Amino acid sequence: LDVAGWNRDPGAAVIQWDCHGGDNQRIKAANLGGNLVHMAFRHSGICMDIAGWGTQNGARLIQWNCHAGENQRFYLERVE
């Protein structure tokens, strides 16, 4: 995951990109209990968010000011 163009503004697109180790690809996950987390990008300090609270397949990912709403809560599952 990558914040396009290293953008720091709320609403910037989160995209798939080759790994390069930049802070726009580094994510700090905060545990909300169980396997639920919210995630903030290191370069901007703001959170990964499903745009417009979308629930449909293919909903856009953006970065947005952290508010811990349902559209910023993600379920992580360890796959081995």
PDB file of N, CA and C in Angstrom:
ATOM      1  N   LEU A   1       0.837  -1.189   0.000  1.00  0.00           N
ATOM      2  CA  LEU A   1       0.000   0.000   0.000  1.00  0.00           C
ATOM      3  C   LEU A   1       0.871   1.238   0.000  1.00  0.00           C
ATOM      4  N   ASP A   2       0.404   2.293  -0.636  1.00  0.00           N
ATOM      5  CA  ASP A   2       1.200   3.487  -0.862  1.00  0.00           C
ATOM      6  C   ASP A   2       0.239   4.678  -0.952  1.00  0.00           C
ATOM      7  N   VAL A   3       0.565   5.789  -0.299  1.00  0.00           N
ATOM      8  CA  VAL A   3      -0.204   7.016  -0.501  1.00  0.00           C
ATOM      9  C   VAL A   3       0.376   7.684  -1.743  1.00  0.00           C
ATOM     10  N   ALA A   4      -0.457   7.818  -2.757  1.00  0.00           N
ATOM     11  CA  ALA A   4      -0.010   8.301  -4.066  1.00  0.00           C
ATOM     12  C   ALA A   4       0.707   9.638  -3.957  1.00  0.00           C
ATOM     13  N   GLY A   5       1.872   9.703  -4.585  1.00  0.00           N
ATOM     14  CA  GLY A   5       2.624  10.951  -4.676  1.00  0.00           C
ATOM     15  C   GLY A   5       3.094  11.519  -3.351  1.00  0.00           C
ATOM     16  N   TRP A   6       3.161  10.702  -2.320  1.00  0.00           N
ATOM     17  CA  TRP A   6       3.578  11.151  -0.989  1.00  0.00           C
ATOM     18  C   TRP A   6       2.663  12.252  -0.451  1.00  0.00           C
ATOM     19  N   ASN A   7       1.455  12.334  -0.967  1.00  0.00           N
ATOM     20  CA  ASN A   7       0.505  13.371  -0.567  1.00  0.00           C
ATOM     21  C   ASN A   7       0.225  13.274   0.929  1.00  0.00           C
ATOM     22  N   ARG A   8       0.158  14.403   1.609  1.00  0.00           N
ATOM     23  CA  ARG A   8      -0.125  14.447   3.044  1.00  0.00           C
ATOM     24  C   ARG A   8      -1.543  14.921   3.352  1.00  0.00           C
ATOM     25  N   ASP A   9      -2.311  15.217   2.321  1.00  0.00           N
ATOM     26  CA  ASP A   9      -3.641  15.787   2.522  1.00  0.00           C
ATOM     27  C   ASP A   9      -4.698  14.716   2.740  1.00  0.00           C
ATOM     28  N   PRO A  10      -5.700  15.002   3.595  1.00  0.00           N
ATOM     29  CA  PRO A  10      -6.842  14.103   3.701  1.00  0.00           C
ATOM     30  C   PRO A  10      -7.498  13.942   2.328  1.00  0.00           C
ATOM     31  N   GLY A  11      -7.891  12.714   2.020  1.00  0.00           N
ATOM     32  CA  GLY A  11      -8.518  12.422   0.740  1.00  0.00           C
ATOM     33  C   GLY A  11      -7.577  11.882  -0.311  1.00  0.00           C
ATOM     34  N   ALA A  12      -6.270  11.882  -0.029  1.00  0.00           N
ATOM     35  CA  ALA A  12      -5.299  11.358  -0.989  1.00  0.00           C
ATOM     36  C   ALA A  12      -5.526   9.861  -1.190  1.00  0.00           C
ATOM     37  N   ALA A  13      -5.352   9.409  -2.416  1.00  0.00           N
ATOM     38  CA  ALA A  13      -5.588   8.012  -2.780  1.00  0.00           C
ATOM     39  C   ALA A  13      -4.542   7.091  -2.163  1.00  0.00           C
ATOM     40  N   VAL A  14      -5.008   5.941  -1.691  1.00  0.00           N
ATOM     41  CA  VAL A  14      -4.128   4.849  -1.282  1.00  0.00           C
ATOM     42  C   VAL A  14      -4.143   3.858  -2.433  1.00  0.00           C
ATOM     43  N   ILE A  15      -2.968   3.525  -2.935  1.00  0.00           N
ATOM     44  CA  ILE A  15      -2.844   2.701  -4.128  1.00  0.00           C
ATOM     45  C   ILE A  15      -1.910   1.515  -3.882  1.00  0.00           C
ATOM     46  N   GLN A  16      -1.924   0.599  -4.808  1.00  0.00           N
ATOM     47  CA  GLN A  16      -0.938  -0.482  -4.832  1.00  0.00           C
ATOM     48  C   GLN A  16       0.277   0.032  -5.588  1.00  0.00           C
ATOM     49  N   TRP A  17       1.491  -0.210  -5.039  1.00  0.00           N
ATOM     50  CA  TRP A  17       2.709   0.280  -5.678  1.00  0.00           C
ATOM     51  C   TRP A  17       3.858  -0.636  -5.291  1.00  0.00           C
ATOM     52  N   ASP A  18       4.902  -0.644  -6.122  1.00  0.00           N
ATOM     53  CA  ASP A  18       6.099  -1.406  -5.770  1.00  0.00           C
ATOM     54  C   ASP A  18       6.637  -0.934  -4.430  1.00  0.00           C
ATOM     55  N   CYS A  19       7.139  -1.871  -3.640  1.00  0.00           N
ATOM     56  CA  CYS A  19       7.720  -1.523  -2.336  1.00  0.00           C
ATOM     57  C   CYS A  19       9.011  -0.746  -2.526  1.00  0.00           C
ATOM     58  N   HIS A  20       9.139   0.370  -1.820  1.00  0.00           N
ATOM     59  CA  HIS A  20      10.380   1.149  -1.845  1.00  0.00           C
ATOM     60  C   HIS A  20      10.801   1.586  -0.444  1.00  0.00           C
ATOM     61  N   GLY A  21       9.989   1.272   0.561  1.00  0.00           N
ATOM     62  CA  GLY A  21      10.361   1.551   1.951  1.00  0.00           C
ATOM     63  C   GLY A  21      10.148   2.985   2.394  1.00  0.00           C
ATOM     64  N   GLY A  22       9.506   3.808   1.583  1.00  0.00           N
ATOM     65  CA  GLY A  22       9.251   5.194   1.959  1.00  0.00           C
ATOM     66  C   GLY A  22       8.206   5.297   3.060  1.00  0.00           C
ATOM     67  N   ASP A  23       8.207   6.414   3.755  1.00  0.00           N
ATOM     68  CA  ASP A  23       7.259   6.611   4.847  1.00  0.00           C
ATOM     69  C   ASP A  23       5.810   6.675   4.370  1.00  0.00           C
ATOM     70  N   ASN A  24       5.575   6.898   3.081  1.00  0.00           N
ATOM     71  CA  ASN A  24       4.207   6.845   2.567  1.00  0.00           C
ATOM     72  C   ASN A  24       3.728   5.408   2.359  1.00  0.00           C
ATOM     73  N   GLN A  25       4.608   4.428   2.662  1.00  0.00           N
ATOM     74  CA  GLN A  25       4.238   3.018   2.643  1.00  0.00           C
ATOM     75  C   GLN A  25       4.333   2.394   4.028  1.00  0.00           C
ATOM     76  N   ARG A  26       4.816   3.139   4.981  1.00  0.00           N
ATOM     77  CA  ARG A  26       4.954   2.618   6.345  1.00  0.00           C
ATOM     78  C   ARG A  26       3.699   2.943   7.138  1.00  0.00           C
ATOM     79  N   ILE A  27       3.170   1.921   7.786  1.00  0.00           N
ATOM     80  CA  ILE A  27       1.897   2.046   8.484  1.00  0.00           C
ATOM     81  C   ILE A  27       2.078   1.636   9.937  1.00  0.00           C
ATOM     82  N   LYS A  28       1.548   2.468  10.823  1.00  0.00           N
ATOM     83  CA  LYS A  28       1.527   2.135  12.243  1.00  0.00           C
ATOM     84  C   LYS A  28       0.118   1.681  12.576  1.00  0.00           C
ATOM     85  N   ALA A  29      -0.011   0.433  13.019  1.00  0.00           N
ATOM     86  CA  ALA A  29      -1.322  -0.122  13.358  1.00  0.00           C
ATOM     87  C   ALA A  29      -1.556  -0.012  14.861  1.00  0.00           C
ATOM     88  N   ALA A  30      -2.727   0.465  15.238  1.00  0.00           N
ATOM     89  CA  ALA A  30      -3.123   0.546  16.647  1.00  0.00           C
ATOM     90  C   ALA A  30      -4.224  -0.477  16.882  1.00  0.00           C
ATOM     91  N   ASN A  31      -4.024  -1.335  17.864  1.00  0.00           N
ATOM     92  CA  ASN A  31      -4.987  -2.387  18.165  1.00  0.00           C
ATOM     93  C   ASN A  31      -6.224  -1.795  18.825  1.00  0.00           C
ATOM     94  N   LEU A  32      -7.380  -2.163  18.288  1.00  0.00           N
ATOM     95  CA  LEU A  32      -8.662  -1.716  18.843  1.00  0.00           C
ATOM     96  C   LEU A  32      -9.352  -2.842  19.604  1.00  0.00           C
ATOM     97  N   GLY A  33      -8.656  -3.940  19.775  1.00  0.00           N
ATOM     98  CA  GLY A  33      -9.216  -5.104  20.458  1.00  0.00           C
ATOM     99  C   GLY A  33      -9.409  -6.247  19.480  1.00  0.00           C
ATOM    100  N   GLY A  34      -9.047  -7.435  19.907  1.00  0.00           N
ATOM    101  CA  GLY A  34      -9.133  -8.586  19.016  1.00  0.00           C
ATOM    102  C   GLY A  34      -8.209  -8.393  17.830  1.00  0.00           C
ATOM    103  N   ASN A  35      -8.706  -8.649  16.650  1.00  0.00           N
ATOM    104  CA  ASN A  35      -7.916  -8.474  15.433  1.00  0.00           C
ATOM    105  C   ASN A  35      -8.248  -7.172  14.717  1.00  0.00           C
ATOM    106  N   LEU A  36      -8.992  -6.269  15.366  1.00  0.00           N
ATOM    107  CA  LEU A  36      -9.336  -4.985  14.755  1.00  0.00           C
ATOM    108  C   LEU A  36      -8.235  -3.961  15.004  1.00  0.00           C
ATOM    109  N   VAL A  37      -7.881  -3.238  13.941  1.00  0.00           N
ATOM    110  CA  VAL A  37      -6.863  -2.192  14.041  1.00  0.00           C
ATOM    111  C   VAL A  37      -7.314  -0.969  13.248  1.00  0.00           C
ATOM    112  N   HIS A  38      -6.743   0.178  13.581  1.00  0.00           N
ATOM    113  CA  HIS A  38      -6.767   1.296  12.637  1.00  0.00           C
ATOM    114  C   HIS A  38      -5.319   1.585  12.311  1.00  0.00           C
ATOM    115  N   MET A  39      -5.083   2.137  11.129  1.00  0.00           N
ATOM    116  CA  MET A  39      -3.730   2.252  10.617  1.00  0.00           C
ATOM    117  C   MET A  39      -3.454   3.673  10.154  1.00  0.00           C
ATOM    118  N   ALA A  40      -2.328   4.212  10.610  1.00  0.00           N
ATOM    119  CA  ALA A  40      -1.913   5.565  10.222  1.00  0.00           C
ATOM    120  C   ALA A  40      -0.624   5.489   9.413  1.00  0.00           C
ATOM    121  N   PHE A  41      -0.563   6.274   8.345  1.00  0.00           N
ATOM    122  CA  PHE A  41       0.646   6.333   7.527  1.00  0.00           C
ATOM    123  C   PHE A  41       1.685   7.206   8.211  1.00  0.00           C
ATOM    124  N   ARG A  42       2.918   6.740   8.214  1.00  0.00           N
ATOM    125  CA  ARG A  42       3.997   7.425   8.912  1.00  0.00           C
ATOM    126  C   ARG A  42       4.252   8.833   8.355  1.00  0.00           C
ATOM    127  N   HIS A  43       4.209   9.026   7.044  1.00  0.00           N
ATOM    128  CA  HIS A  43       4.573  10.315   6.450  1.00  0.00           C
ATOM    129  C   HIS A  43       3.561  11.413   6.770  1.00  0.00           C
ATOM    130  N   SER A  44       2.297  11.046   6.976  1.00  0.00           N
ATOM    131  CA  SER A  44       1.259  12.057   7.188  1.00  0.00           C
ATOM    132  C   SER A  44       0.656  12.010   8.581  1.00  0.00           C
ATOM    133  N   GLY A  45       0.752  10.848   9.232  1.00  0.00           N
ATOM    134  CA  GLY A  45       0.150  10.690  10.558  1.00  0.00           C
ATOM    135  C   GLY A  45      -1.358  10.538  10.517  1.00  0.00           C
ATOM    136  N   ILE A  46      -1.946  10.426   9.324  1.00  0.00           N
ATOM    137  CA  ILE A  46      -3.395  10.240   9.260  1.00  0.00           C
ATOM    138  C   ILE A  46      -3.731   8.838   8.773  1.00  0.00           C
ATOM    139  N   CYS A  47      -4.983   8.461   8.927  1.00  0.00           N
ATOM    140  CA  CYS A  47      -5.391   7.059   8.859  1.00  0.00           C
ATOM    141  C   CYS A  47      -5.879   6.595   7.496  1.00  0.00           C
ATOM    142  N   MET A  48      -5.746   5.277   7.289  1.00  0.00           N
ATOM    143  CA  MET A  48      -6.345   4.639   6.140  1.00  0.00           C
ATOM    144  C   MET A  48      -7.849   4.615   6.364  1.00  0.00           C
ATOM    145  N   ASP A  49      -8.615   4.844   5.291  1.00  0.00           N
ATOM    146  CA  ASP A  49     -10.045   5.092   5.398  1.00  0.00           C
ATOM    147  C   ASP A  49     -10.716   4.571   4.132  1.00  0.00           C
ATOM    148  N   ILE A  50     -11.883   3.977   4.269  1.00  0.00           N
ATOM    149  CA  ILE A  50     -12.674   3.616   3.098  1.00  0.00           C
ATOM    150  C   ILE A  50     -13.516   4.831   2.748  1.00  0.00           C
ATOM    151  N   ALA A  51     -13.276   5.388   1.571  1.00  0.00           N
ATOM    152  CA  ALA A  51     -13.901   6.646   1.154  1.00  0.00           C
ATOM    153  C   ALA A  51     -15.423   6.560   1.205  1.00  0.00           C
ATOM    154  N   GLY A  52     -16.024   7.609   1.752  1.00  0.00           N
ATOM    155  CA  GLY A  52     -17.475   7.715   1.767  1.00  0.00           C
ATOM    156  C   GLY A  52     -18.181   6.625   2.544  1.00  0.00           C
ATOM    157  N   TRP A  53     -17.457   5.958   3.427  1.00  0.00           N
ATOM    158  CA  TRP A  53     -18.016   4.868   4.236  1.00  0.00           C
ATOM    159  C   TRP A  53     -18.550   3.755   3.341  1.00  0.00           C
ATOM    160  N   GLY A  54     -17.954   3.591   2.152  1.00  0.00           N
ATOM    161  CA  GLY A  54     -18.419   2.596   1.190  1.00  0.00           C
ATOM    162  C   GLY A  54     -18.373   1.186   1.745  1.00  0.00           C
ATOM    163  N   THR A  55     -19.344   0.379   1.361  1.00  0.00           N
ATOM    164  CA  THR A  55     -19.403  -1.022   1.784  1.00  0.00           C
ATOM    165  C   THR A  55     -19.368  -1.975   0.593  1.00  0.00           C
ATOM    166  N   GLN A  56     -19.368  -1.440  -0.613  1.00  0.00           N
ATOM    167  CA  GLN A  56     -19.391  -2.275  -1.804  1.00  0.00           C
ATOM    168  C   GLN A  56     -17.982  -2.753  -2.153  1.00  0.00           C
ATOM    169  N   ASN A  57     -17.912  -3.867  -2.878  1.00  0.00           N
ATOM    170  CA  ASN A  57     -16.634  -4.333  -3.394  1.00  0.00           C
ATOM    171  C   ASN A  57     -16.026  -3.236  -4.266  1.00  0.00           C
ATOM    172  N   GLY A  58     -14.732  -3.036  -4.156  1.00  0.00           N
ATOM    173  CA  GLY A  58     -14.042  -2.041  -4.962  1.00  0.00           C
ATOM    174  C   GLY A  58     -14.090  -0.629  -4.404  1.00  0.00           C
ATOM    175  N   ALA A  59     -14.622  -0.449  -3.187  1.00  0.00           N
ATOM    176  CA  ALA A  59     -14.640   0.891  -2.583  1.00  0.00           C
ATOM    177  C   ALA A  59     -13.218   1.423  -2.503  1.00  0.00           C
ATOM    178  N   ARG A  60     -13.070   2.734  -2.712  1.00  0.00           N
ATOM    179  CA  ARG A  60     -11.743   3.358  -2.732  1.00  0.00           C
ATOM    180  C   ARG A  60     -11.156   3.477  -1.326  1.00  0.00           C
ATOM    181  N   LEU A  61      -9.830   3.270  -1.247  1.00  0.00           N
ATOM    182  CA  LEU A  61      -9.086   3.537  -0.024  1.00  0.00           C
ATOM    183  C   LEU A  61      -8.434   4.908  -0.152  1.00  0.00           C
ATOM    184  N   ILE A  62      -8.509   5.688   0.918  1.00  0.00           N
ATOM    185  CA  ILE A  62      -7.878   6.999   0.982  1.00  0.00           C
ATOM    186  C   ILE A  62      -7.224   7.139   2.340  1.00  0.00           C
ATOM    187  N   GLN A  63      -6.496   8.226   2.541  1.00  0.00           N
ATOM    188  CA  GLN A  63      -6.078   8.575   3.900  1.00  0.00           C
ATOM    189  C   GLN A  63      -6.983   9.722   4.349  1.00  0.00           C
ATOM    190  N   TRP A  64      -7.327   9.713   5.638  1.00  0.00           N
ATOM    191  CA  TRP A  64      -8.239  10.717   6.178  1.00  0.00           C
ATOM    192  C   TRP A  64      -7.906  10.931   7.648  1.00  0.00           C
ATOM    193  N   ASN A  65      -8.285  12.069   8.170  1.00  0.00           N
ATOM    194  CA  ASN A  65      -8.062  12.349   9.591  1.00  0.00           C
ATOM    195  C   ASN A  65      -8.628  11.206  10.432  1.00  0.00           C
ATOM    196  N   CYS A  66      -7.854  10.778  11.412  1.00  0.00           N
ATOM    197  CA  CYS A  66      -8.246   9.634  12.246  1.00  0.00           C
ATOM    198  C   CYS A  66      -9.452   9.986  13.106  1.00  0.00           C
ATOM    199  N   HIS A  67     -10.473   9.103  13.058  1.00  0.00           N
ATOM    200  CA  HIS A  67     -11.656   9.281  13.902  1.00  0.00           C
ATOM    201  C   HIS A  67     -12.149   7.949  14.459  1.00  0.00           C
ATOM    202  N   ALA A  68     -11.490   6.847  14.081  1.00  0.00           N
ATOM    203  CA  ALA A  68     -11.794   5.495  14.572  1.00  0.00           C
ATOM    204  C   ALA A  68     -13.211   5.048  14.236  1.00  0.00           C
ATOM    205  N   GLY A  69     -13.810   5.642  13.190  1.00  0.00           N
ATOM    206  CA  GLY A  69     -15.116   5.176  12.719  1.00  0.00           C
ATOM    207  C   GLY A  69     -14.998   3.802  12.086  1.00  0.00           C
ATOM    208  N   GLU A  70     -16.155   3.204  11.823  1.00  0.00           N
ATOM    209  CA  GLU A  70     -16.181   1.861  11.239  1.00  0.00           C
ATOM    210  C   GLU A  70     -15.407   1.777   9.927  1.00  0.00           C
ATOM    211  N   ASN A  71     -15.361   2.851   9.161  1.00  0.00           N
ATOM    212  CA  ASN A  71     -14.659   2.819   7.886  1.00  0.00           C
ATOM    213  C   ASN A  71     -13.148   2.986   8.045  1.00  0.00           C
ATOM    214  N   GLN A  72     -12.683   3.074   9.279  1.00  0.00           N
ATOM    215  CA  GLN A  72     -11.241   3.102   9.553  1.00  0.00           C
ATOM    216  C   GLN A  72     -10.815   1.916  10.405  1.00  0.00           C
ATOM    217  N   ARG A  73     -11.705   0.964  10.583  1.00  0.00           N
ATOM    218  CA  ARG A  73     -11.387  -0.243  11.356  1.00  0.00           C
ATOM    219  C   ARG A  73     -11.201  -1.400  10.397  1.00  0.00           C
ATOM    220  N   PHE A  74     -10.063  -2.059  10.534  1.00  0.00           N
ATOM    221  CA  PHE A  74      -9.727  -3.148   9.629  1.00  0.00           C
ATOM    222  C   PHE A  74      -9.428  -4.411  10.431  1.00  0.00           C
ATOM    223  N   TYR A  75      -9.840  -5.521   9.896  1.00  0.00           N
ATOM    224  CA  TYR A  75      -9.637  -6.820  10.521  1.00  0.00           C
ATOM    225  C   TYR A  75      -8.387  -7.445   9.917  1.00  0.00           C
ATOM    226  N   LEU A  76      -7.420  -7.755  10.757  1.00  0.00           N
ATOM    227  CA  LEU A  76      -6.199  -8.401  10.299  1.00  0.00           C
ATOM    228  C   LEU A  76      -6.220  -9.876  10.691  1.00  0.00           C
ATOM    229  N   GLU A  77      -5.864 -10.700   9.751  1.00  0.00           N
ATOM    230  CA  GLU A  77      -5.803 -12.134  10.001  1.00  0.00           C
ATOM    231  C   GLU A  77      -4.441 -12.635   9.590  1.00  0.00           C
ATOM    232  N   ARG A  78      -3.791 -13.329  10.463  1.00  0.00           N
ATOM    233  CA  ARG A  78      -2.473 -13.903  10.140  1.00  0.00           C
ATOM    234  C   ARG A  78      -2.665 -15.112   9.235  1.00  0.00           C
ATOM    235  N   VAL A  79      -1.953 -15.094   8.113  1.00  0.00           N
ATOM    236  CA  VAL A  79      -1.997 -16.197   7.163  1.00  0.00           C
ATOM    237  C   VAL A  79      -0.616 -16.829   7.114  1.00  0.00           C
ATOM    238  N   GLU A  80      -0.568 -18.105   7.299  1.00  0.00           N
ATOM    239  CA  GLU A  80       0.734 -18.783   7.298  1.00  0.00           C
ATOM    240  C   GLU A  80       0.832 -19.749   6.165  1.00  0.00           C
TER     241      GLU A  80
END
